[in-house]
Amino acid sequence: MISATELRKGTKILVRDEPHIVLDFQHNKMGRGGALVRAKLKNLITGSTFEENFRSGEKFANPQLERRDMQYLYEQDGLYQFMDQQSYDQVALNKDTLEDVLGYLKEQEIYQMLYFKERPIGVTAPLFMNLKVQDTPPGVKGDTAQGGGNKPATLETGLVVHVPLFINEGDIIKVDTRDASYIERI
């Protein structure tokens, strides 16, 4: 059990039988009476965010979330197929569940899938991914005054990132999946 006074950013708790993550919190001590904890929560199933006040004595259950390594196989009829690396069971997810990682889905790549009560509720891409540049305009010397310009590049997954001028079609680049930023050419 987690007390309301122990809430911190990133803490996962069970509220109204659904898993939530604490996005922000404030501990308020009033002159008379008990303290209140005002928390901004995000529902891990629906993705909705809201603020709520809790008394300092309230307790929350741990949501018992489980992470599993899943390999992305293919997309067919709007369903994205993943395979569990331990049991080799296949799971099909729709586009709504994958909206955060849609631009990083690459066949045969391993992703972390979050489960709640044996039901997949979210997918996390690896921190860094190596992706091939499919389309980018040619970089011309003299495009910038200082020589540090950027240009858009469409990657093999359909994601568009800004890359330096020396990147060409066919190059493989390392991308940070947290903010879709270019790291280096491989």
Foldseek 3Di string as FASTA:
>chain_A
DAFLVNADAQAWFADPNFIKGWHDWDWAQDPDDFIKIWTWIAGLQQRDIDIDIDTRGDDTDRQPKDKFKWFWAQDDPQWTWIATPPPRDIDTDGCVQEVLCQLPDDHRAIWIFIDGPNHTRHIGHPQKDKWFFADWDAQDPPPDPVQFDWTWTQTPSRDIEIDGRVDDHGWIFMAGSVVRYTDGTD
